[in-house]
Amino acid sequence: MFPIRDSINHHGPALVTRALIAANVFVFFWQLSLGPAGFQWVIFNYGFVPRDFFADPGGQFWHIFSSMFLHGSFQHIFGNMWFLWIFGPAVEARLGGGRYLLVYLLAGVGAALTQAVFLPASEVPMVGASGAISGVTGAYFLLFPTAWILALVWPFPPLFVWFPAAFFLAYWVFIQVLYGVFGVPGVAWWAHVGGFAVGYALTLWLKPRRHYDDDPFWYREYGF
């Protein structure tokens, strides 16, 4: 299932979300400007490597932050930025820009450390904003469980279906855990799970500054 939009009627300006998307896109095109060899050099020198982290935690900790803004392909950055645009604005509006950014960054840290715990000997550099964005989805799961997500379901035939946000995100987490357990290569599945959990916990602790639940039409404009 691929999310197309949510049912929330008003998100506000989403300035931090827009800035994060712009920063990730800028860094990705900077990577491309270095050519194929330079592109790979950046990933291997600024990505987060679990084995190196356990060998030298102090020297590698900052790589967690640099790795959050690196991506390996157009598909990689498109998928991440799309998820951020779907789930980020509502969370930002509810938490406020500062707390939202804190959740994003700390979820990214938690995601990287979770992946490192599950695969401590891995020498493959981790890159991408997906761990931090998973934290945003964890916050969304807590704050807007009764919202709805329009998703593309494929392939026989492709359909557009509205799902409760709680169901959609719970299913998404289940898939990450399943793939992590079976060791499906190519994606840091445990980072997604860790980021989601950290985002949920931090949001629970920070508490929203606004209480839009008093006005359910703030986020549910449509009848399903």
N, C-alpha and C. Protein backbone atom coordinates (compact mmCIF):
# COMPACT_ATOMS: atom_id res chain seq x y z
N MET A 1 0.85 -1.19 0.00
CA MET A 1 0.00 0.00 0.00
C MET A 1 0.88 1.24 0.00
N PHE A 2 0.55 2.16 -0.87
CA PHE A 2 1.33 3.40 -0.97
C PHE A 2 0.41 4.57 -0.67
N PRO A 3 0.74 5.40 0.34
CA PRO A 3 -0.16 6.48 0.71
C PRO A 3 -0.20 7.60 -0.33
N ILE A 4 -1.40 8.10 -0.59
CA ILE A 4 -1.59 9.19 -1.55
C ILE A 4 -1.86 10.51 -0.83
N ARG A 5 -2.69 10.46 0.21
CA ARG A 5 -2.99 11.65 1.01
C ARG A 5 -3.71 11.20 2.27
N ASP A 6 -3.85 12.14 3.20
CA ASP A 6 -4.63 11.84 4.39
C ASP A 6 -5.90 12.69 4.37
N SER A 7 -6.77 12.44 5.34
CA SER A 7 -8.07 13.11 5.36
C SER A 7 -8.03 14.41 6.13
N ILE A 8 -6.85 14.79 6.63
CA ILE A 8 -6.79 15.99 7.44
C ILE A 8 -7.00 17.22 6.57
N ASN A 9 -7.90 18.04 7.03
CA ASN A 9 -8.42 19.15 6.25
C ASN A 9 -7.48 20.34 6.19
N HIS A 10 -6.76 20.59 7.29
CA HIS A 10 -5.90 21.77 7.37
C HIS A 10 -4.62 21.43 8.11
N HIS A 11 -3.49 21.72 7.49
CA HIS A 11 -2.21 21.39 8.10
C HIS A 11 -1.44 22.61 8.60
N GLY A 12 -1.80 23.79 8.18
CA GLY A 12 -0.96 24.94 8.47
C GLY A 12 0.17 25.04 7.46
N PRO A 13 1.10 25.98 7.67
CA PRO A 13 2.14 26.23 6.65
C PRO A 13 3.19 25.14 6.53
N ALA A 14 3.36 24.31 7.55
CA ALA A 14 4.33 23.19 7.51
C ALA A 14 5.73 23.66 7.11
N LEU A 15 6.20 24.72 7.73
CA LEU A 15 7.48 25.30 7.34
C LEU A 15 8.65 24.37 7.61
N VAL A 16 8.63 23.68 8.75
CA VAL A 16 9.73 22.77 9.07
C VAL A 16 9.74 21.58 8.12
N THR A 17 8.57 21.04 7.83
CA THR A 17 8.49 19.93 6.87
C THR A 17 9.04 20.35 5.52
N ARG A 18 8.63 21.51 5.06
CA ARG A 18 9.13 22.00 3.77
C ARG A 18 10.64 22.20 3.80
N ALA A 19 11.15 22.72 4.92
CA ALA A 19 12.59 22.94 5.03
C ALA A 19 13.36 21.62 5.04
N LEU A 20 12.82 20.61 5.71
CA LEU A 20 13.48 19.31 5.73
C LEU A 20 13.49 18.68 4.34
N ILE A 21 12.39 18.79 3.64
CA ILE A 21 12.34 18.26 2.27
C ILE A 21 13.35 18.99 1.39
N ALA A 22 13.38 20.31 1.51
CA ALA A 22 14.31 21.10 0.70
C ALA A 22 15.76 20.72 1.00
N ALA A 23 16.07 20.53 2.28
CA ALA A 23 17.44 20.18 2.67
C ALA A 23 17.83 18.82 2.11
N ASN A 24 16.94 17.84 2.21
CA ASN A 24 17.24 16.51 1.68
C ASN A 24 17.41 16.53 0.16
N VAL A 25 16.55 17.26 -0.52
CA VAL A 25 16.65 17.34 -1.98
C VAL A 25 17.94 18.05 -2.38
N PHE A 26 18.27 19.14 -1.68
CA PHE A 26 19.50 19.87 -1.98
C PHE A 26 20.72 18.96 -1.83
N VAL A 27 20.79 18.22 -0.72
CA VAL A 27 21.94 17.35 -0.48
C VAL A 27 22.00 16.24 -1.54
N PHE A 28 20.84 15.72 -1.93
CA PHE A 28 20.84 14.65 -2.94
C PHE A 28 21.39 15.16 -4.27
N PHE A 29 20.98 16.36 -4.68
CA PHE A 29 21.49 16.89 -5.95
C PHE A 29 22.96 17.27 -5.83
N TRP A 30 23.39 17.63 -4.62
CA TRP A 30 24.82 17.83 -4.40
C TRP A 30 25.56 16.51 -4.60
N GLN A 31 25.01 15.42 -4.06
CA GLN A 31 25.62 14.11 -4.28
C GLN A 31 25.74 13.80 -5.77
N LEU A 32 24.65 14.05 -6.50
CA LEU A 32 24.67 13.76 -7.94
C LEU A 32 25.71 14.60 -8.67
N SER A 33 25.91 15.83 -8.21
CA SER A 33 26.85 16.73 -8.89
C SER A 33 28.29 16.24 -8.79
N LEU A 34 28.55 15.33 -7.87
CA LEU A 34 29.92 14.82 -7.68
C LEU A 34 30.27 13.70 -8.64
N GLY A 35 29.28 13.25 -9.43
CA GLY A 35 29.52 12.14 -10.34
C GLY A 35 29.39 10.81 -9.63
N PRO A 36 29.40 9.70 -10.38
CA PRO A 36 29.19 8.37 -9.78
C PRO A 36 30.19 8.03 -8.67
N ALA A 37 31.47 8.33 -8.90
CA ALA A 37 32.48 8.00 -7.89
C ALA A 37 32.31 8.86 -6.65
N GLY A 38 32.06 10.15 -6.86
CA GLY A 38 31.86 11.05 -5.73
C GLY A 38 30.59 10.72 -4.96
N PHE A 39 29.56 10.29 -5.69
CA PHE A 39 28.30 9.91 -5.06
C PHE A 39 28.54 8.76 -4.07
N GLN A 40 29.27 7.75 -4.50
CA GLN A 40 29.57 6.63 -3.63
C GLN A 40 30.51 7.02 -2.50
N TRP A 41 31.44 7.91 -2.78
CA TRP A 41 32.38 8.35 -1.75
C TRP A 41 31.64 9.01 -0.60
N VAL A 42 30.67 9.84 -0.93
CA VAL A 42 29.88 10.52 0.12
C VAL A 42 29.16 9.49 0.99
N ILE A 43 28.55 8.50 0.35
CA ILE A 43 27.80 7.50 1.11
C ILE A 43 28.73 6.72 2.05
N PHE A 44 29.90 6.34 1.57
CA PHE A 44 30.81 5.55 2.40
C PHE A 44 31.53 6.38 3.45
N ASN A 45 31.61 7.69 3.26
CA ASN A 45 32.32 8.53 4.23
C ASN A 45 31.40 9.29 5.17
N TYR A 46 30.13 9.41 4.80
CA TYR A 46 29.19 10.15 5.65
C TYR A 46 27.98 9.32 6.06
N GLY A 47 27.90 8.07 5.59
CA GLY A 47 26.85 7.19 6.04
C GLY A 47 27.16 6.63 7.42
N PHE A 48 26.18 5.99 8.02
CA PHE A 48 26.33 5.42 9.36
C PHE A 48 26.59 3.93 9.24
N VAL A 49 27.75 3.49 9.76
CA VAL A 49 28.14 2.07 9.67
C VAL A 49 28.12 1.48 11.08
N PRO A 50 27.19 0.54 11.36
CA PRO A 50 27.09 -0.02 12.71
C PRO A 50 28.41 -0.56 13.26
N ARG A 51 29.16 -1.30 12.46
CA ARG A 51 30.41 -1.87 12.96
C ARG A 51 31.40 -0.78 13.38
N ASP A 52 31.50 0.28 12.58
CA ASP A 52 32.40 1.38 12.92
C ASP A 52 31.92 2.12 14.16
N PHE A 53 30.61 2.20 14.33
CA PHE A 53 30.07 2.89 15.50
C PHE A 53 30.47 2.17 16.78
N PHE A 54 30.37 0.85 16.80
CA PHE A 54 30.73 0.11 18.01
C PHE A 54 32.24 0.10 18.24
N ALA A 55 33.00 0.29 17.17
CA ALA A 55 34.46 0.37 17.31
C ALA A 55 34.88 1.74 17.83
N ASP A 56 34.16 2.78 17.43
CA ASP A 56 34.52 4.15 17.82
C ASP A 56 33.24 4.99 17.93
N PRO A 57 32.47 4.81 19.02
CA PRO A 57 31.18 5.51 19.13
C PRO A 57 31.29 7.03 19.03
N GLY A 58 32.28 7.59 19.71
CA GLY A 58 32.43 9.04 19.69
C GLY A 58 32.72 9.59 18.31
N GLY A 59 33.59 8.91 17.58
CA GLY A 59 33.97 9.37 16.26
C GLY A 59 32.90 9.15 15.21
N GLN A 60 32.00 8.22 15.46
CA GLN A 60 30.99 7.87 14.46
C GLN A 60 29.61 8.43 14.75
N PHE A 61 29.40 8.97 15.96
CA PHE A 61 28.06 9.38 16.33
C PHE A 61 27.50 10.46 15.39
N TRP A 62 28.35 11.38 14.97
CA TRP A 62 27.87 12.45 14.10
C TRP A 62 27.45 11.93 12.74
N HIS A 63 27.93 10.73 12.38
CA HIS A 63 27.52 10.14 11.10
C HIS A 63 26.03 9.81 11.09
N ILE A 64 25.45 9.61 12.28
CA ILE A 64 24.01 9.38 12.35
C ILE A 64 23.28 10.56 11.73
N PHE A 65 23.72 11.77 12.06
CA PHE A 65 23.04 12.96 11.57
C PHE A 65 23.33 13.21 10.09
N SER A 66 24.58 13.03 9.69
CA SER A 66 24.89 13.24 8.26
C SER A 66 24.17 12.22 7.39
N SER A 67 24.04 10.98 7.89
CA SER A 67 23.40 9.94 7.09
C SER A 67 21.91 10.21 6.86
N MET A 68 21.28 10.98 7.77
CA MET A 68 19.85 11.29 7.64
C MET A 68 19.53 12.11 6.40
N PHE A 69 20.53 12.80 5.86
CA PHE A 69 20.29 13.68 4.73
C PHE A 69 20.88 13.15 3.43
N LEU A 70 21.33 11.91 3.45
CA LEU A 70 21.87 11.27 2.24
C LEU A 70 20.90 10.23 1.73
N HIS A 71 20.88 10.05 0.41
CA HIS A 71 20.01 9.04 -0.20
C HIS A 71 20.76 8.34 -1.32
N GLY A 72 20.33 7.12 -1.60
CA GLY A 72 21.06 6.29 -2.55
C GLY A 72 20.56 6.31 -3.98
N SER A 73 19.34 6.86 -4.21
CA SER A 73 18.78 6.87 -5.56
C SER A 73 17.59 7.82 -5.60
N PHE A 74 17.11 8.08 -6.82
CA PHE A 74 15.90 8.91 -6.97
C PHE A 74 14.70 8.24 -6.30
N GLN A 75 14.59 6.94 -6.48
CA GLN A 75 13.47 6.22 -5.86
C GLN A 75 13.52 6.33 -4.34
N HIS A 76 14.72 6.23 -3.80
CA HIS A 76 14.91 6.31 -2.36
C HIS A 76 14.46 7.65 -1.82
N ILE A 77 14.93 8.74 -2.41
CA ILE A 77 14.58 10.05 -1.87
C ILE A 77 13.12 10.38 -2.16
N PHE A 78 12.60 9.95 -3.30
CA PHE A 78 11.20 10.24 -3.60
C PHE A 78 10.28 9.57 -2.58
N GLY A 79 10.52 8.29 -2.30
CA GLY A 79 9.68 7.59 -1.34
C GLY A 79 9.72 8.22 0.03
N ASN A 80 10.93 8.58 0.48
CA ASN A 80 11.06 9.18 1.80
C ASN A 80 10.39 10.55 1.88
N MET A 81 10.63 11.39 0.89
CA MET A 81 10.06 12.73 0.94
C MET A 81 8.54 12.69 0.76
N TRP A 82 8.06 11.72 0.02
CA TRP A 82 6.61 11.59 -0.14
C TRP A 82 5.95 11.24 1.20
N PHE A 83 6.53 10.28 1.90
CA PHE A 83 5.99 9.91 3.22
C PHE A 83 6.06 11.10 4.17
N LEU A 84 7.15 11.85 4.13
CA LEU A 84 7.28 13.00 5.01
C LEU A 84 6.21 14.04 4.70
N TRP A 85 5.92 14.24 3.42
CA TRP A 85 4.91 15.22 3.04
C TRP A 85 3.50 14.77 3.40
N ILE A 86 3.25 13.47 3.37
CA ILE A 86 1.93 12.96 3.73
C ILE A 86 1.70 13.08 5.24
N PHE A 87 2.67 12.67 6.04
CA PHE A 87 2.46 12.56 7.48
C PHE A 87 3.04 13.71 8.30
N GLY A 88 3.99 14.46 7.73
CA GLY A 88 4.66 15.48 8.51
C GLY A 88 3.84 16.72 8.85
N PRO A 89 3.14 17.33 7.88
CA PRO A 89 2.47 18.60 8.17
C PRO A 89 1.48 18.55 9.33
N ALA A 90 0.68 17.51 9.43
CA ALA A 90 -0.29 17.43 10.53
C ALA A 90 0.42 17.31 11.88
N VAL A 91 1.49 16.51 11.92
CA VAL A 91 2.24 16.36 13.17
C VAL A 91 2.91 17.68 13.54
N GLU A 92 3.47 18.36 12.56
CA GLU A 92 4.09 19.66 12.83
C GLU A 92 3.08 20.66 13.37
N ALA A 93 1.89 20.69 12.77
CA ALA A 93 0.85 21.62 13.23
C ALA A 93 0.43 21.32 14.66
N ARG A 94 0.40 20.04 15.01
CA ARG A 94 -0.02 19.67 16.35
C ARG A 94 1.06 19.93 17.40
N LEU A 95 2.31 19.59 17.08
CA LEU A 95 3.39 19.73 18.05
C LEU A 95 4.02 21.12 18.07
N GLY A 96 3.96 21.81 16.96
CA GLY A 96 4.74 23.02 16.80
C GLY A 96 6.08 22.69 16.19
N GLY A 97 6.67 23.65 15.48
CA GLY A 97 7.87 23.37 14.71
C GLY A 97 9.05 22.86 15.51
N GLY A 98 9.32 23.45 16.69
CA GLY A 98 10.47 23.05 17.47
C GLY A 98 10.39 21.63 17.97
N ARG A 99 9.27 21.25 18.56
CA ARG A 99 9.12 19.90 19.07
C ARG A 99 9.04 18.87 17.94
N TYR A 100 8.44 19.29 16.86
CA TYR A 100 8.38 18.41 15.69
C TYR A 100 9.78 18.10 15.17
N LEU A 101 10.62 19.12 15.07
CA LEU A 101 12.00 18.91 14.61
C LEU A 101 12.76 18.03 15.59
N LEU A 102 12.53 18.22 16.88
CA LEU A 102 13.18 17.40 17.88
C LEU A 102 12.78 15.93 17.73
N VAL A 103 11.50 15.68 17.53
CA VAL A 103 11.04 14.31 17.30
C VAL A 103 11.70 13.73 16.07
N TYR A 104 11.75 14.49 15.00
CA TYR A 104 12.35 14.03 13.74
C TYR A 104 13.80 13.61 13.95
N LEU A 105 14.59 14.49 14.56
CA LEU A 105 16.02 14.22 14.70
C LEU A 105 16.30 13.09 15.69
N LEU A 106 15.62 13.10 16.84
CA LEU A 106 15.87 12.06 17.83
C LEU A 106 15.35 10.69 17.36
N ALA A 107 14.27 10.70 16.59
CA ALA A 107 13.80 9.44 16.00
C ALA A 107 14.84 8.91 15.02
N GLY A 108 15.48 9.81 14.29
CA GLY A 108 16.54 9.38 13.38
C GLY A 108 17.71 8.75 14.12
N VAL A 109 18.06 9.33 15.27
CA VAL A 109 19.12 8.75 16.10
C VAL A 109 18.69 7.38 16.62
N GLY A 110 17.48 7.32 17.15
CA GLY A 110 16.98 6.05 17.67
C GLY A 110 16.90 4.98 16.60
N ALA A 111 16.53 5.38 15.40
CA ALA A 111 16.44 4.43 14.29
C ALA A 111 17.81 3.84 13.96
N ALA A 112 18.82 4.70 13.87
CA ALA A 112 20.16 4.22 13.54
C ALA A 112 20.70 3.29 14.62
N LEU A 113 20.48 3.66 15.87
CA LEU A 113 20.98 2.83 16.97
C LEU A 113 20.25 1.50 17.04
N THR A 114 18.96 1.50 16.73
CA THR A 114 18.21 0.24 16.71
C THR A 114 18.76 -0.69 15.65
N GLN A 115 19.01 -0.16 14.46
CA GLN A 115 19.58 -0.99 13.39
C GLN A 115 20.95 -1.52 13.80
N ALA A 116 21.73 -0.68 14.48
CA ALA A 116 23.06 -1.10 14.91
C ALA A 116 22.98 -2.22 15.94
N VAL A 117 22.00 -2.16 16.82
CA VAL A 117 21.84 -3.21 17.84
C VAL A 117 21.49 -4.54 17.18
N PHE A 118 20.61 -4.50 16.18
CA PHE A 118 20.19 -5.74 15.52
C PHE A 118 21.25 -6.29 14.57
N LEU A 119 22.04 -5.39 13.97
CA LEU A 119 23.07 -5.83 13.02
C LEU A 119 24.40 -5.16 13.37
N PRO A 120 24.97 -5.50 14.51
CA PRO A 120 26.17 -4.79 14.98
C PRO A 120 27.41 -5.00 14.13
N ALA A 121 27.46 -6.06 13.37
CA ALA A 121 28.64 -6.34 12.55
C ALA A 121 28.52 -5.80 11.13
N SER A 122 27.42 -5.14 10.83
CA SER A 122 27.21 -4.68 9.46
C SER A 122 28.22 -3.61 9.06
N GLU A 123 28.78 -3.77 7.88
CA GLU A 123 29.71 -2.78 7.32
C GLU A 123 29.06 -1.97 6.21
N VAL A 124 27.78 -2.16 5.99
CA VAL A 124 27.06 -1.45 4.94
C VAL A 124 26.63 -0.08 5.46
N PRO A 125 27.01 1.00 4.80
CA PRO A 125 26.60 2.32 5.28
C PRO A 125 25.09 2.51 5.21
N MET A 126 24.51 2.99 6.29
CA MET A 126 23.10 3.34 6.32
C MET A 126 22.94 4.80 5.90
N VAL A 127 22.06 5.04 4.94
CA VAL A 127 21.76 6.41 4.55
C VAL A 127 20.25 6.54 4.35
N GLY A 128 19.77 7.76 4.48
CA GLY A 128 18.36 8.02 4.22
C GLY A 128 17.64 8.60 5.42
N ALA A 129 16.57 9.31 5.13
CA ALA A 129 15.77 9.95 6.17
C ALA A 129 14.67 9.05 6.69
N SER A 130 14.61 7.79 6.26
CA SER A 130 13.46 6.95 6.58
C SER A 130 13.31 6.69 8.07
N GLY A 131 14.42 6.59 8.81
CA GLY A 131 14.30 6.38 10.24
C GLY A 131 13.65 7.56 10.94
N ALA A 132 14.09 8.77 10.58
CA ALA A 132 13.49 9.97 11.15
C ALA A 132 12.03 10.10 10.74
N ILE A 133 11.74 9.80 9.49
CA ILE A 133 10.36 9.90 8.99
C ILE A 133 9.49 8.83 9.64
N SER A 134 10.07 7.69 9.96
CA SER A 134 9.33 6.67 10.71
C SER A 134 8.91 7.23 12.06
N GLY A 135 9.76 8.06 12.65
CA GLY A 135 9.39 8.72 13.90
C GLY A 135 8.20 9.63 13.72
N VAL A 136 8.13 10.31 12.58
CA VAL A 136 6.99 11.17 12.29
C VAL A 136 5.72 10.33 12.16
N THR A 137 5.83 9.16 11.52
CA THR A 137 4.64 8.30 11.41
C THR A 137 4.22 7.76 12.77
N GLY A 138 5.21 7.51 13.65
CA GLY A 138 4.87 7.10 15.01
C GLY A 138 4.10 8.19 15.74
N ALA A 139 4.52 9.43 15.55
CA ALA A 139 3.79 10.56 16.14
C ALA A 139 2.39 10.68 15.56
N TYR A 140 2.28 10.48 14.26
CA TYR A 140 0.97 10.55 13.59
C TYR A 140 0.05 9.46 14.14
N PHE A 141 0.59 8.28 14.33
CA PHE A 141 -0.19 7.15 14.86
C PHE A 141 -0.79 7.50 16.22
N LEU A 142 -0.02 8.19 17.04
CA LEU A 142 -0.50 8.58 18.36
C LEU A 142 -1.51 9.72 18.28
N LEU A 143 -1.22 10.72 17.46
CA LEU A 143 -2.02 11.95 17.47
C LEU A 143 -3.28 11.87 16.62
N PHE A 144 -3.25 11.09 15.54
CA PHE A 144 -4.37 11.07 14.60
C PHE A 144 -4.82 9.65 14.25
N PRO A 145 -5.10 8.83 15.23
CA PRO A 145 -5.47 7.44 14.91
C PRO A 145 -6.79 7.31 14.17
N THR A 146 -7.66 8.32 14.28
CA THR A 146 -8.96 8.23 13.61
C THR A 146 -9.00 8.98 12.29
N ALA A 147 -7.84 9.51 11.87
CA ALA A 147 -7.77 10.08 10.52
C ALA A 147 -7.82 8.92 9.51
N TRP A 148 -7.88 9.26 8.25
CA TRP A 148 -7.93 8.25 7.19
C TRP A 148 -6.81 8.49 6.19
N ILE A 149 -6.33 7.42 5.59
CA ILE A 149 -5.26 7.49 4.60
C ILE A 149 -5.76 6.90 3.28
N LEU A 150 -5.67 7.68 2.23
CA LEU A 150 -5.98 7.17 0.89
C LEU A 150 -4.72 6.51 0.35
N ALA A 151 -4.82 5.22 0.01
CA ALA A 151 -3.65 4.47 -0.42
C ALA A 151 -3.89 3.80 -1.76
N LEU A 152 -2.81 3.67 -2.50
CA LEU A 152 -2.82 2.91 -3.74
C LEU A 152 -2.50 1.46 -3.41
N VAL A 153 -3.41 0.58 -3.73
CA VAL A 153 -3.23 -0.85 -3.47
C VAL A 153 -3.07 -1.56 -4.81
N TRP A 154 -2.04 -2.33 -4.96
CA TRP A 154 -1.77 -3.00 -6.24
C TRP A 154 -1.44 -4.45 -5.98
N PRO A 155 -1.35 -5.32 -7.00
CA PRO A 155 -1.38 -4.97 -8.42
C PRO A 155 -2.58 -5.54 -9.19
N PHE A 156 -3.55 -6.12 -8.60
CA PHE A 156 -4.56 -6.88 -9.38
C PHE A 156 -5.98 -6.44 -9.09
N PRO A 157 -6.51 -5.42 -9.72
CA PRO A 157 -5.83 -4.31 -10.39
C PRO A 157 -5.51 -3.25 -9.35
N PRO A 158 -4.75 -2.21 -9.71
CA PRO A 158 -4.48 -1.13 -8.75
C PRO A 158 -5.79 -0.46 -8.30
N LEU A 159 -5.92 -0.22 -7.02
CA LEU A 159 -7.11 0.38 -6.46
C LEU A 159 -6.73 1.52 -5.53
N PHE A 160 -7.59 2.52 -5.41
CA PHE A 160 -7.43 3.58 -4.43
C PHE A 160 -8.43 3.32 -3.31
N VAL A 161 -7.91 3.11 -2.10
CA VAL A 161 -8.75 2.71 -0.97
C VAL A 161 -8.42 3.58 0.24
N TRP A 162 -9.46 4.02 0.97
CA TRP A 162 -9.27 4.74 2.23
C TRP A 162 -9.13 3.74 3.37
N PHE A 163 -8.09 3.91 4.19
CA PHE A 163 -7.87 3.08 5.37
C PHE A 163 -7.80 3.96 6.61
N PRO A 164 -8.29 3.48 7.75
CA PRO A 164 -8.03 4.20 9.00
C PRO A 164 -6.52 4.34 9.21
N ALA A 165 -6.08 5.51 9.64
CA ALA A 165 -4.64 5.75 9.81
C ALA A 165 -4.01 4.74 10.75
N ALA A 166 -4.72 4.40 11.84
CA ALA A 166 -4.17 3.44 12.80
C ALA A 166 -3.92 2.09 12.14
N PHE A 167 -4.84 1.64 11.31
CA PHE A 167 -4.67 0.37 10.61
C PHE A 167 -3.53 0.45 9.61
N PHE A 168 -3.50 1.51 8.81
CA PHE A 168 -2.48 1.66 7.78
C PHE A 168 -1.08 1.62 8.39
N LEU A 169 -0.88 2.40 9.46
CA LEU A 169 0.45 2.49 10.05
C LEU A 169 0.81 1.22 10.84
N ALA A 170 -0.18 0.61 11.49
CA ALA A 170 0.10 -0.66 12.18
C ALA A 170 0.51 -1.74 11.18
N TYR A 171 -0.15 -1.77 10.03
CA TYR A 171 0.20 -2.72 8.98
C TYR A 171 1.61 -2.44 8.46
N TRP A 172 1.92 -1.15 8.30
CA TRP A 172 3.25 -0.76 7.82
C TRP A 172 4.33 -1.23 8.80
N VAL A 173 4.11 -1.03 10.09
CA VAL A 173 5.08 -1.48 11.09
C VAL A 173 5.21 -3.00 11.07
N PHE A 174 4.10 -3.70 10.94
CA PHE A 174 4.13 -5.16 10.88
C PHE A 174 5.01 -5.63 9.73
N ILE A 175 4.90 -4.98 8.58
CA ILE A 175 5.71 -5.37 7.41
C ILE A 175 7.19 -5.13 7.70
N GLN A 176 7.52 -4.03 8.37
CA GLN A 176 8.93 -3.75 8.68
C GLN A 176 9.49 -4.83 9.60
N VAL A 177 8.70 -5.21 10.62
CA VAL A 177 9.15 -6.25 11.54
C VAL A 177 9.30 -7.58 10.82
N LEU A 178 8.33 -7.91 9.97
CA LEU A 178 8.36 -9.17 9.24
C LEU A 178 9.60 -9.26 8.36
N TYR A 179 9.86 -8.22 7.60
CA TYR A 179 11.03 -8.22 6.73
C TYR A 179 12.33 -8.22 7.53
N GLY A 180 12.32 -7.54 8.69
CA GLY A 180 13.50 -7.54 9.54
C GLY A 180 13.79 -8.93 10.09
N VAL A 181 12.76 -9.62 10.53
CA VAL A 181 12.92 -10.97 11.08
C VAL A 181 13.47 -11.93 10.04
N PHE A 182 12.97 -11.80 8.81
CA PHE A 182 13.41 -12.71 7.76
C PHE A 182 14.66 -12.23 7.03
N GLY A 183 15.19 -11.09 7.46
CA GLY A 183 16.46 -10.62 6.92
C GLY A 183 16.42 -10.24 5.46
N VAL A 184 15.31 -9.65 5.01
CA VAL A 184 15.23 -9.20 3.62
C VAL A 184 16.28 -8.10 3.41
N PRO A 185 17.20 -8.27 2.47
CA PRO A 185 18.30 -7.32 2.32
C PRO A 185 17.89 -6.04 1.61
N GLY A 186 18.76 -5.03 1.73
CA GLY A 186 18.60 -3.81 0.96
C GLY A 186 17.95 -2.65 1.68
N VAL A 187 17.30 -2.90 2.81
CA VAL A 187 16.61 -1.86 3.56
C VAL A 187 16.87 -2.06 5.05
N ALA A 188 17.03 -0.96 5.77
CA ALA A 188 17.26 -1.03 7.21
C ALA A 188 15.90 -1.13 7.92
N TRP A 189 15.32 -2.33 7.91
CA TRP A 189 13.97 -2.52 8.44
C TRP A 189 13.88 -2.20 9.92
N TRP A 190 14.89 -2.61 10.69
CA TRP A 190 14.84 -2.37 12.13
C TRP A 190 14.97 -0.89 12.46
N ALA A 191 15.63 -0.14 11.60
CA ALA A 191 15.70 1.31 11.79
C ALA A 191 14.31 1.92 11.69
N HIS A 192 13.49 1.41 10.77
CA HIS A 192 12.13 1.91 10.64
C HIS A 192 11.32 1.64 11.91
N VAL A 193 11.48 0.43 12.43
CA VAL A 193 10.75 0.05 13.65
C VAL A 193 11.22 0.91 14.83
N GLY A 194 12.53 1.05 14.97
CA GLY A 194 13.06 1.86 16.06
C GLY A 194 12.66 3.32 15.95
N GLY A 195 12.70 3.87 14.74
CA GLY A 195 12.29 5.26 14.56
C GLY A 195 10.83 5.47 14.91
N PHE A 196 9.99 4.55 14.49
CA PHE A 196 8.56 4.62 14.80
C PHE A 196 8.33 4.63 16.30
N ALA A 197 8.99 3.72 17.01
CA ALA A 197 8.82 3.61 18.46
C ALA A 197 9.31 4.86 19.18
N VAL A 198 10.45 5.39 18.75
CA VAL A 198 10.98 6.60 19.39
C VAL A 198 10.07 7.79 19.12
N GLY A 199 9.58 7.92 17.89
CA GLY A 199 8.67 9.01 17.56
C GLY A 199 7.40 8.96 18.38
N TYR A 200 6.87 7.76 18.54
CA TYR A 200 5.65 7.58 19.34
C TYR A 200 5.91 7.96 20.79
N ALA A 201 7.00 7.44 21.37
CA ALA A 201 7.30 7.69 22.78
C ALA A 201 7.59 9.17 23.04
N LEU A 202 8.36 9.79 22.17
CA LEU A 202 8.67 11.20 22.36
C LEU A 202 7.43 12.08 22.27
N THR A 203 6.56 11.76 21.33
CA THR A 203 5.34 12.54 21.18
C THR A 203 4.43 12.36 22.39
N LEU A 204 4.39 11.16 22.92
CA LEU A 204 3.61 10.90 24.13
C LEU A 204 4.15 11.72 25.29
N TRP A 205 5.45 11.89 25.36
CA TRP A 205 6.09 12.64 26.43
C TRP A 205 5.95 14.16 26.23
N LEU A 206 6.14 14.61 25.00
CA LEU A 206 6.12 16.05 24.73
C LEU A 206 4.72 16.65 24.83
N LYS A 207 3.74 15.86 24.46
CA LYS A 207 2.33 16.27 24.48
C LYS A 207 2.07 17.39 23.47
N PRO A 208 0.94 17.32 22.80
CA PRO A 208 0.61 18.35 21.81
C PRO A 208 0.25 19.67 22.45
N ARG A 209 0.55 20.74 21.75
CA ARG A 209 0.21 22.07 22.27
C ARG A 209 -1.21 22.45 21.94
N ARG A 210 -1.82 21.79 20.96
CA ARG A 210 -3.18 22.10 20.54
C ARG A 210 -4.06 20.88 20.71
N HIS A 211 -5.32 21.08 20.82
CA HIS A 211 -6.24 19.97 21.04
C HIS A 211 -7.33 20.00 19.97
N TYR A 212 -6.93 19.63 18.77
CA TYR A 212 -7.86 19.67 17.67
C TYR A 212 -8.95 18.60 17.79
N ASP A 213 -8.74 17.64 18.69
CA ASP A 213 -9.76 16.62 18.86
C ASP A 213 -11.08 17.22 19.33
N ASP A 214 -11.02 18.43 19.92
CA ASP A 214 -12.25 19.09 20.32
C ASP A 214 -13.07 19.52 19.11
N ASP A 215 -12.40 19.58 17.96
CA ASP A 215 -13.08 19.94 16.72
C ASP A 215 -12.73 18.90 15.67
N PRO A 216 -13.44 17.79 15.65
CA PRO A 216 -13.07 16.69 14.75
C PRO A 216 -13.07 17.08 13.29
N PHE A 217 -13.78 18.14 12.93
CA PHE A 217 -13.82 18.54 11.53
C PHE A 217 -12.52 19.21 11.10
N TRP A 218 -11.61 19.48 12.09
CA TRP A 218 -10.31 20.00 11.71
C TRP A 218 -9.58 19.01 10.84
N TYR A 219 -9.77 17.74 11.13
CA TYR A 219 -9.02 16.76 10.33
C TYR A 219 -9.91 15.77 9.59
N ARG A 220 -11.21 15.82 9.79
CA ARG A 220 -12.04 14.93 8.99
C ARG A 220 -13.08 15.74 8.23
N GLU A 221 -12.75 16.01 7.01
CA GLU A 221 -13.59 16.82 6.19
C GLU A 221 -14.53 15.96 5.35
N TYR A 222 -14.14 14.71 5.16
CA TYR A 222 -14.80 13.85 4.21
C TYR A 222 -15.60 12.76 4.91
N GLY A 223 -16.62 12.29 4.28
CA GLY A 223 -17.37 11.15 4.79
C GLY A 223 -16.98 9.90 4.04
N PHE A 224 -16.78 8.81 4.75
CA PHE A 224 -16.37 7.56 4.11
C PHE A 224 -17.38 6.46 4.42
